[in-house]
C-alpha atoms as a PDB file:
ATOM      1  CA  UNK A   1     -72.312 -21.339-133.022  1.00  0.00           C
ATOM      2  CA  UNK A   2     -74.733 -19.670-130.460  1.00  0.00           C
ATOM      3  CA  UNK A   3     -73.356 -19.297-126.977  1.00  0.00           C
ATOM      4  CA  UNK A   4     -75.186 -20.777-124.132  1.00  0.00           C
ATOM      5  CA  UNK A   5     -76.343 -18.349-121.352  1.00  0.00           C
ATOM      6  CA  UNK A   6     -76.578 -19.342-117.753  1.00  0.00           C
ATOM      7  CA  UNK A   7     -80.005 -18.711-116.265  1.00  0.00           C
ATOM      8  CA  UNK A   8     -80.118 -15.921-113.839  1.00  0.00           C
ATOM      9  CA  UNK A   9     -80.971 -16.751-110.174  1.00  0.00           C
ATOM     10  CA  UNK A  10     -84.599 -16.161-109.346  1.00  0.00           C
ATOM     11  CA  UNK A  11     -84.280 -15.496-105.613  1.00  0.00           C
ATOM     12  CA  UNK A  12     -85.798 -12.571-103.865  1.00  0.00           C
ATOM     13  CA  UNK A  13     -83.712  -9.386-103.832  1.00  0.00           C
ATOM     14  CA  UNK A  14     -83.925  -9.034-100.146  1.00  0.00           C
ATOM     15  CA  UNK A  15     -82.681 -12.690 -99.538  1.00  0.00           C
ATOM     16  CA  UNK A  16     -80.348 -12.679 -96.443  1.00  0.00           C
ATOM     17  CA  UNK A  17     -76.619 -13.336 -96.720  1.00  0.00           C
ATOM     18  CA  UNK A  18     -74.145 -14.809 -94.399  1.00  0.00           C
ATOM     19  CA  UNK A  19     -72.518 -12.298 -92.001  1.00  0.00           C
ATOM     20  CA  UNK A  20     -69.259 -10.927 -93.294  1.00  0.00           C
ATOM     21  CA  UNK A  21     -67.344 -12.290 -90.283  1.00  0.00           C
ATOM     22  CA  UNK A  22     -68.514 -15.720 -91.279  1.00  0.00           C
ATOM     23  CA  UNK A  23     -66.927 -15.319 -94.702  1.00  0.00           C
ATOM     24  CA  UNK A  24     -63.758 -13.842 -93.273  1.00  0.00           C
ATOM     25  CA  UNK A  25     -63.343 -16.532 -90.705  1.00  0.00           C
ATOM     26  CA  UNK A  26     -63.621 -19.347 -93.293  1.00  0.00           C
ATOM     27  CA  UNK A  27     -61.292 -17.613 -95.693  1.00  0.00           C
ATOM     28  CA  UNK A  28     -58.746 -17.272 -92.876  1.00  0.00           C
ATOM     29  CA  UNK A  29     -58.997 -20.860 -91.980  1.00  0.00           C
ATOM     30  CA  UNK A  30     -58.007 -21.901 -95.552  1.00  0.00           C
ATOM     31  CA  UNK A  31     -55.303 -19.298 -95.643  1.00  0.00           C
ATOM     32  CA  UNK A  32     -53.651 -20.330 -92.449  1.00  0.00           C
ATOM     33  CA  UNK A  33     -53.899 -24.077 -92.831  1.00  0.00           C
ATOM     34  CA  UNK A  34     -53.320 -26.354 -95.739  1.00  0.00           C
ATOM     35  CA  UNK A  35     -56.647 -27.946 -96.792  1.00  0.00           C
ATOM     36  CA  UNK A  36     -55.141 -31.404 -96.287  1.00  0.00           C
ATOM     37  CA  UNK A  37     -54.372 -30.574 -92.608  1.00  0.00           C
ATOM     38  CA  UNK A  38     -57.942 -29.408 -91.668  1.00  0.00           C
ATOM     39  CA  UNK A  39     -59.649 -31.914 -89.364  1.00  0.00           C
ATOM     40  CA  UNK A  40     -62.662 -32.426 -91.627  1.00  0.00           C
ATOM     41  CA  UNK A  41     -60.671 -33.049 -94.846  1.00  0.00           C
ATOM     42  CA  UNK A  42     -60.599 -36.570 -96.287  1.00  0.00           C
ATOM     43  CA  UNK A  43     -59.164 -37.407 -99.708  1.00  0.00           C
ATOM     44  CA  UNK A  44     -62.150 -39.882-100.062  1.00  0.00           C
ATOM     45  CA  UNK A  45     -65.808 -39.133-100.268  1.00  0.00           C
ATOM     46  CA  UNK A  46     -67.980 -39.583 -97.180  1.00  0.00           C
ATOM     47  CA  UNK A  47     -69.235 -43.089 -96.753  1.00  0.00           C
ATOM     48  CA  UNK A  48     -72.759 -41.632 -96.440  1.00  0.00           C
ATOM     49  CA  UNK A  49     -72.528 -40.014 -99.900  1.00  0.00           C
ATOM     50  CA  UNK A  50     -71.286 -43.311-101.444  1.00  0.00           C
ATOM     51  CA  UNK A  51     -74.199 -45.090 -99.759  1.00  0.00           C
ATOM     52  CA  UNK A  52     -76.772 -42.609-100.965  1.00  0.00           C
ATOM     53  CA  UNK A  53     -75.555 -42.834-104.512  1.00  0.00           C
ATOM     54  CA  UNK A  54     -75.572 -46.722-104.315  1.00  0.00           C
ATOM     55  CA  UNK A  55     -79.089 -46.748-102.900  1.00  0.00           C
ATOM     56  CA  UNK A  56     -80.301 -44.778-105.962  1.00  0.00           C
ATOM     57  CA  UNK A  57     -81.483 -41.614-104.360  1.00  0.00           C
ATOM     58  CA  UNK A  58     -80.405 -39.697-107.481  1.00  0.00           C
ATOM     59  CA  UNK A  59     -81.150 -40.504-111.020  1.00  0.00           C
ATOM     60  CA  UNK A  60     -78.184 -41.519-113.079  1.00  0.00           C
ATOM     61  CA  UNK A  61     -76.642 -38.448-114.706  1.00  0.00           C
ATOM     62  CA  UNK A  62     -78.704 -35.964-112.525  1.00  0.00           C
ATOM     63  CA  UNK A  63     -77.221 -32.636-111.707  1.00  0.00           C
ATOM     64  CA  UNK A  64     -76.207 -32.569-108.022  1.00  0.00           C
ATOM     65  CA  UNK A  65     -75.221 -29.581-105.887  1.00  0.00           C
ATOM     66  CA  UNK A  66     -72.641 -30.055-103.143  1.00  0.00           C
ATOM     67  CA  UNK A  67     -73.195 -27.269-100.614  1.00  0.00           C
ATOM     68  CA  UNK A  68     -70.122 -26.354 -98.534  1.00  0.00           C
ATOM     69  CA  UNK A  69     -67.975 -28.611-100.746  1.00  0.00           C
ATOM     70  CA  UNK A  70     -64.611 -27.728 -99.166  1.00  0.00           C
ATOM     71  CA  UNK A  71     -61.762 -29.253-101.184  1.00  0.00           C
ATOM     72  CA  UNK A  72     -64.298 -31.195-103.230  1.00  0.00           C
ATOM     73  CA  UNK A  73     -63.927 -34.832-102.248  1.00  0.00           C
ATOM     74  CA  UNK A  74     -67.646 -35.589-102.391  1.00  0.00           C
ATOM     75  CA  UNK A  75     -68.223 -33.708-105.599  1.00  0.00           C
ATOM     76  CA  UNK A  76     -65.265 -35.444-107.301  1.00  0.00           C
ATOM     77  CA  UNK A  77     -66.632 -38.782-106.237  1.00  0.00           C
ATOM     78  CA  UNK A  78     -70.090 -38.034-107.571  1.00  0.00           C
ATOM     79  CA  UNK A  79     -68.597 -36.804-110.875  1.00  0.00           C
ATOM     80  CA  UNK A  80     -66.683 -40.077-111.331  1.00  0.00           C
ATOM     81  CA  UNK A  81     -69.941 -41.908-111.027  1.00  0.00           C
ATOM     82  CA  UNK A  82     -71.619 -40.034-113.875  1.00  0.00           C
ATOM     83  CA  UNK A  83     -73.385 -37.244-112.089  1.00  0.00           C
ATOM     84  CA  UNK A  84     -73.176 -33.585-113.331  1.00  0.00           C
ATOM     85  CA  UNK A  85     -71.907 -31.842-110.279  1.00  0.00           C
ATOM     86  CA  UNK A  86     -71.593 -28.249-108.993  1.00  0.00           C
ATOM     87  CA  UNK A  87     -69.935 -27.426-105.679  1.00  0.00           C
ATOM     88  CA  UNK A  88     -70.055 -24.120-103.700  1.00  0.00           C
ATOM     89  CA  UNK A  89     -68.130 -22.933-100.684  1.00  0.00           C
ATOM     90  CA  UNK A  90     -67.711 -19.557 -99.086  1.00  0.00           C
ATOM     91  CA  UNK A  91     -63.976 -20.022 -98.741  1.00  0.00           C
ATOM     92  CA  UNK A  92     -61.883 -19.077-101.755  1.00  0.00           C
ATOM     93  CA  UNK A  93     -59.090 -21.394-100.653  1.00  0.00           C
ATOM     94  CA  UNK A  94     -61.444 -24.354-100.550  1.00  0.00           C
ATOM     95  CA  UNK A  95     -62.649 -23.646-104.081  1.00  0.00           C
ATOM     96  CA  UNK A  96     -59.035 -23.210-105.378  1.00  0.00           C
ATOM     97  CA  UNK A  97     -58.133 -26.557-103.879  1.00  0.00           C
ATOM     98  CA  UNK A  98     -61.193 -28.218-105.320  1.00  0.00           C
ATOM     99  CA  UNK A  99     -60.538 -26.890-108.827  1.00  0.00           C
ATOM    100  CA  UNK A 100     -56.911 -28.070-108.689  1.00  0.00           C
ATOM    101  CA  UNK A 101     -58.017 -31.484-107.677  1.00  0.00           C
ATOM    102  CA  UNK A 102     -60.673 -31.585-110.440  1.00  0.00           C
ATOM    103  CA  UNK A 103     -58.005 -30.624-112.987  1.00  0.00           C
ATOM    104  CA  UNK A 104     -55.614 -33.284-111.725  1.00  0.00           C
ATOM    105  CA  UNK A 105     -58.468 -35.901-111.867  1.00  0.00           C
ATOM    106  CA  UNK A 106     -59.633 -34.598-115.343  1.00  0.00           C
ATOM    107  CA  UNK A 107     -63.106 -34.171-114.077  1.00  0.00           C
ATOM    108  CA  UNK A 108     -65.481 -31.415-115.156  1.00  0.00           C
ATOM    109  CA  UNK A 109     -67.000 -30.073-111.904  1.00  0.00           C
ATOM    110  CA  UNK A 110     -68.457 -26.618-111.612  1.00  0.00           C
ATOM    111  CA  UNK A 111     -66.867 -25.221-108.380  1.00  0.00           C
ATOM    112  CA  UNK A 112     -67.778 -21.702-107.324  1.00  0.00           C
ATOM    113  CA  UNK A 113     -67.164 -19.313-104.433  1.00  0.00           C
ATOM    114  CA  UNK A 114     -70.691 -18.677-103.184  1.00  0.00           C
ATOM    115  CA  UNK A 115     -72.789 -17.931-100.120  1.00  0.00           C
ATOM    116  CA  UNK A 116     -75.061 -20.831 -99.305  1.00  0.00           C
ATOM    117  CA  UNK A 117     -77.829 -18.363 -98.725  1.00  0.00           C
ATOM    118  CA  UNK A 118     -77.470 -16.793-102.133  1.00  0.00           C
ATOM    119  CA  UNK A 119     -76.836 -19.580-104.569  1.00  0.00           C
ATOM    120  CA  UNK A 120     -75.853 -18.489-108.125  1.00  0.00           C
ATOM    121  CA  UNK A 121     -78.314 -20.812-109.820  1.00  0.00           C
ATOM    122  CA  UNK A 122     -81.807 -20.590-111.263  1.00  0.00           C
ATOM    123  CA  UNK A 123     -84.993 -22.106-109.761  1.00  0.00           C
ATOM    124  CA  UNK A 124     -85.100 -25.888-110.197  1.00  0.00           C
ATOM    125  CA  UNK A 125     -81.666 -26.413-111.786  1.00  0.00           C
ATOM    126  CA  UNK A 126     -80.720 -29.451-109.618  1.00  0.00           C
ATOM    127  CA  UNK A 127     -82.032 -32.953-109.303  1.00  0.00           C
ATOM    128  CA  UNK A 128     -80.246 -33.485-105.947  1.00  0.00           C
ATOM    129  CA  UNK A 129     -78.007 -31.982-103.219  1.00  0.00           C
ATOM    130  CA  UNK A 130     -75.584 -32.979-100.551  1.00  0.00           C
ATOM    131  CA  UNK A 131     -74.413 -31.183 -97.496  1.00  0.00           C
ATOM    132  CA  UNK A 132     -71.769 -32.804 -95.292  1.00  0.00           C
ATOM    133  CA  UNK A 133     -71.014 -30.302 -92.516  1.00  0.00           C
ATOM    134  CA  UNK A 134     -72.254 -26.956 -93.846  1.00  0.00           C
ATOM    135  CA  UNK A 135     -75.698 -26.781 -92.299  1.00  0.00           C
ATOM    136  CA  UNK A 136     -74.513 -27.048 -88.618  1.00  0.00           C
ATOM    137  CA  UNK A 137     -72.095 -24.096 -89.082  1.00  0.00           C
ATOM    138  CA  UNK A 138     -74.771 -21.589 -90.049  1.00  0.00           C
ATOM    139  CA  UNK A 139     -76.004 -18.996 -87.517  1.00  0.00           C
ATOM    140  CA  UNK A 140     -79.246 -20.388 -86.011  1.00  0.00           C
ATOM    141  CA  UNK A 141     -81.498 -17.562 -87.208  1.00  0.00           C
ATOM    142  CA  UNK A 142     -80.268 -18.184 -90.809  1.00  0.00           C
ATOM    143  CA  UNK A 143     -80.994 -21.908 -91.014  1.00  0.00           C
ATOM    144  CA  UNK A 144     -84.563 -21.453 -92.199  1.00  0.00           C
ATOM    145  CA  UNK A 145     -83.306 -19.090 -94.996  1.00  0.00           C
ATOM    146  CA  UNK A 146     -80.743 -21.821 -95.977  1.00  0.00           C
ATOM    147  CA  UNK A 147     -83.568 -24.309 -96.467  1.00  0.00           C
ATOM    148  CA  UNK A 148     -85.590 -21.960 -98.483  1.00  0.00           C
ATOM    149  CA  UNK A 149     -82.698 -21.063-100.765  1.00  0.00           C
ATOM    150  CA  UNK A 150     -81.676 -24.638-101.269  1.00  0.00           C
ATOM    151  CA  UNK A 151     -85.270 -25.693-102.079  1.00  0.00           C
ATOM    152  CA  UNK A 152     -85.387 -22.920-104.689  1.00  0.00           C
ATOM    153  CA  UNK A 153     -82.704 -24.442-106.814  1.00  0.00           C
ATOM    154  CA  UNK A 154     -83.914 -28.094-106.388  1.00  0.00           C
ATOM    155  CA  UNK A 155     -86.725 -29.601-108.504  1.00  0.00           C
ATOM    156  CA  UNK A 156     -89.700 -30.912-106.593  1.00  0.00           C
ATOM    157  CA  UNK A 157     -89.067 -34.461-105.426  1.00  0.00           C
ATOM    158  CA  UNK A 158     -85.274 -34.030-105.545  1.00  0.00           C
ATOM    159  CA  UNK A 159     -83.406 -35.889-102.842  1.00  0.00           C
ATOM    160  CA  UNK A 160     -81.089 -34.049-100.415  1.00  0.00           C
ATOM    161  CA  UNK A 161     -78.480 -35.928 -98.278  1.00  0.00           C
ATOM    162  CA  UNK A 162     -77.544 -34.013 -95.131  1.00  0.00           C
ATOM    163  CA  UNK A 163     -75.084 -34.900 -92.337  1.00  0.00           C
ATOM    164  CA  UNK A 164     -74.439 -32.734 -89.288  1.00  0.00           C
ATOM    165  CA  UNK A 165     -73.113 -32.643 -85.775  1.00  0.00           C
ATOM    166  CA  UNK A 166     -76.241 -33.060 -83.725  1.00  0.00           C
ATOM    167  CA  UNK A 167     -76.895 -31.529 -80.266  1.00  0.00           C
ATOM    168  CA  UNK A 168     -76.074 -34.890 -78.653  1.00  0.00           C
ATOM    169  CA  UNK A 169     -72.551 -34.921 -79.978  1.00  0.00           C
ATOM    170  CA  UNK A 170     -70.393 -32.894 -77.525  1.00  0.00           C
ATOM    171  CA  UNK A 171     -67.042 -33.980 -78.884  1.00  0.00           C
ATOM    172  CA  UNK A 172     -64.363 -31.726 -80.351  1.00  0.00           C
ATOM    173  CA  UNK A 173     -63.642 -30.349 -82.875  1.00  0.00           C
ATOM    174  CA  UNK A 174     -67.116 -29.323 -84.005  1.00  0.00           C
ATOM    175  CA  UNK A 175     -69.391 -26.348 -84.540  1.00  0.00           C
ATOM    176  CA  UNK A 176     -70.692 -24.313 -81.610  1.00  0.00           C
ATOM    177  CA  UNK A 177     -74.408 -24.313 -82.651  1.00  0.00           C
ATOM    178  CA  UNK A 178     -75.276 -28.038 -83.060  1.00  0.00           C
ATOM    179  CA  UNK A 179     -78.935 -28.477 -83.851  1.00  0.00           C
ATOM    180  CA  UNK A 180     -80.997 -31.355 -82.489  1.00  0.00           C
ATOM    181  CA  UNK A 181     -83.140 -33.385 -84.944  1.00  0.00           C
ATOM    182  CA  UNK A 182     -86.182 -31.359 -83.806  1.00  0.00           C
ATOM    183  CA  UNK A 183     -84.346 -28.069 -84.445  1.00  0.00           C
ATOM    184  CA  UNK A 184     -83.228 -29.276 -87.852  1.00  0.00           C
ATOM    185  CA  UNK A 185     -86.774 -30.345 -88.688  1.00  0.00           C
ATOM    186  CA  UNK A 186     -88.063 -26.860 -87.615  1.00  0.00           C
ATOM    187  CA  UNK A 187     -85.562 -25.210 -90.060  1.00  0.00           C
ATOM    188  CA  UNK A 188     -85.954 -27.649 -92.971  1.00  0.00           C
ATOM    189  CA  UNK A 189     -89.391 -29.233 -92.979  1.00  0.00           C
ATOM    190  CA  UNK A 190     -91.337 -26.328 -94.444  1.00  0.00           C
ATOM    191  CA  UNK A 191     -89.378 -27.037 -97.652  1.00  0.00           C
ATOM    192  CA  UNK A 192     -88.322 -30.683 -97.248  1.00  0.00           C
ATOM    193  CA  UNK A 193     -89.769 -33.949 -96.060  1.00  0.00           C
ATOM    194  CA  UNK A 194     -87.546 -36.251 -93.902  1.00  0.00           C
ATOM    195  CA  UNK A 195     -87.546 -39.713 -95.529  1.00  0.00           C
ATOM    196  CA  UNK A 196     -84.910 -41.389 -93.456  1.00  0.00           C
ATOM    197  CA  UNK A 197     -82.636 -40.534 -90.508  1.00  0.00           C
ATOM    198  CA  UNK A 198     -79.572 -42.617 -89.551  1.00  0.00           C
ATOM    199  CA  UNK A 199     -77.810 -42.291 -86.206  1.00  0.00           C
ATOM    200  CA  UNK A 200     -74.500 -43.381 -84.736  1.00  0.00           C
ATOM    201  CA  UNK A 201     -73.597 -43.904 -81.008  1.00  0.00           C
ATOM    202  CA  UNK A 202     -71.932 -40.984 -79.263  1.00  0.00           C
ATOM    203  CA  UNK A 203     -69.541 -41.533 -76.320  1.00  0.00           C
ATOM    204  CA  UNK A 204     -68.700 -38.601 -73.966  1.00  0.00           C
ATOM    205  CA  UNK A 205     -66.045 -38.427 -71.449  1.00  0.00           C
ATOM    206  CA  UNK A 206     -63.535 -41.133 -70.335  1.00  0.00           C
ATOM    207  CA  UNK A 207     -66.285 -43.736 -70.046  1.00  0.00           C
ATOM    208  CA  UNK A 208     -68.929 -44.516 -72.771  1.00  0.00           C
ATOM    209  CA  UNK A 209     -72.345 -43.022 -71.984  1.00  0.00           C
ATOM    210  CA  UNK A 210     -75.590 -43.184 -73.914  1.00  0.00           C
ATOM    211  CA  UNK A 211     -76.557 -40.930 -76.796  1.00  0.00           C
ATOM    212  CA  UNK A 212     -76.843 -40.788 -80.493  1.00  0.00           C
ATOM    213  CA  UNK A 213     -76.056 -38.110 -83.101  1.00  0.00           C
ATOM    214  CA  UNK A 214     -77.493 -37.798 -86.543  1.00  0.00           C
ATOM    215  CA  UNK A 215     -75.159 -39.372 -89.104  1.00  0.00           C
ATOM    216  CA  UNK A 216     -77.234 -38.856 -92.215  1.00  0.00           C
ATOM    217  CA  UNK A 217     -80.750 -37.687 -93.138  1.00  0.00           C
ATOM    218  CA  UNK A 218     -82.307 -38.141 -96.543  1.00  0.00           C
ATOM    219  CA  UNK A 219     -84.782 -35.451 -97.355  1.00  0.00           C
ATOM    220  CA  UNK A 220     -87.078 -34.773-100.304  1.00  0.00           C
ATOM    221  CA  UNK A 221     -87.831 -31.429-101.782  1.00  0.00           C
ATOM    222  CA  UNK A 222     -91.552 -31.009-101.165  1.00  0.00           C
ATOM    223  CA  UNK A 223     -93.902 -30.819-104.193  1.00  0.00           C
ATOM    224  CA  UNK A 224     -96.015 -28.176-102.552  1.00  0.00           C
ATOM    225  CA  UNK A 225     -96.411 -26.147 -99.327  1.00  0.00           C
ATOM    226  CA  UNK A 226     -96.409 -27.946 -96.039  1.00  0.00           C
ATOM    227  CA  UNK A 227     -99.948 -28.577 -94.789  1.00  0.00           C
ATOM    228  CA  UNK A 228    -101.010 -26.386 -91.911  1.00  0.00           C
ATOM    229  CA  UNK A 229    -100.866 -27.847 -88.436  1.00  0.00           C
ATOM    230  CA  UNK A 230    -104.448 -28.759 -87.242  1.00  0.00           C
END
């Protein structure tokens, strides 16, 4: 029987990578704390991912990439619903936990240790993607490169579900560099088209005050280059 070969990534050789201190910090986080005790961990999938799947943003059986998958709750949820799922995270401890959980659940999910700026996949391999909390942790100068690399592995028209701590959300814990919607659009819109943005109320301080933070954005991989600004 002939063996199947994985297609080689088609990214540029000079594609940027995340700083080494970024990788070391995330690996230390998972070494020093059990994944179940991390503040962002939930044994259940994000409600936003469940809704996106229910709304039909991805074709049944499509291949979906979970960027910054952590211990794999969202990826496992999607696999249970018939999607072919791959998950990447820069932290080895996160991927080890995700693989253990997949074995326990008897689910076939392709979990890999990987830099989100250097994805180990070929052009156009995926019909969709999710990112719950990875984008907002990236250094600001590298967010544009993230968008370009993610777009490379998605087919034109593929839907991308993204959730992040927006600028308006000043609560803790949270990432230090929280993009506003305008900043996210600047980084992402050359490659993606925002189809829908959902918000939730934000309360700061002892008394509720106005404000809203992005809960979920649904984006579509552009079919061609963004038209020039006139």
